[in-house]
Amino acid sequence: MGIWKGTWNGKTILITLTKVTNKYDNVYKYYRDYLIGKFVVKDANGLILFDNTNLPDENAKIIGIGFRKIDDKYSFIYNDPDLCSMGGYGRFNFTDSTKTKLEWKYSEDENILDTDCFYYGWAQDQRPQPLPNNTILIKQ
C-alpha cells in the first residue's frame, strides 16, 4: 500500500501501510490477508512525538480488520500499550480514481486510566493524540 502523509493540529503523520498475506488467525482459526500500519508523528518544528516504525510487524499498533460491506471502507483497530493501552477504531477509503488520496477517520475509545498511567488526571485536550480523527492522507 505504501507511505501516506497527512496533517492535523500542526502535526504531520507518515503512515506506512503494509499488506500481510496468508497469516493464520489463532482466534478464528483461518488464514487471512490484512493491512498493518506503522507511523511517525512530528510537530510543526519537526520534533518526533510518536514513532513506532521500527516495531516488528506482529507488534504493529494499527491492524486491519477488513472492508466494510456497507460502504467498502477499510476498517482498522489501533492499540498502543506504550500509551496506557490507548486504542480505538477507524476506517479509510480512496477519495479519487487515481488512488493517491485516502480519507481517514478515527475515533478513540473511552478507556479507564490506571493511576500508573503517565497522563492520569490530565485534561482530555492535554493527553497524547498519536492519530488524527479526520484527515486526508496523500500517497508519497
Foldseek 3Di string as FASTA:
>chain_A
DAWWWKDDPQKIKIKGKDKDFQCADPVVGGTDIWIAIWMWMAGNVRHTDDGDPPPPRVPGQKIWDQADPVPRWTKIKGFDVVQQRKIWIWTWDADDPVSFKIWIAIDTDDDDHDPPGPCPPPDPVPGDDPDDRTIMIGHD
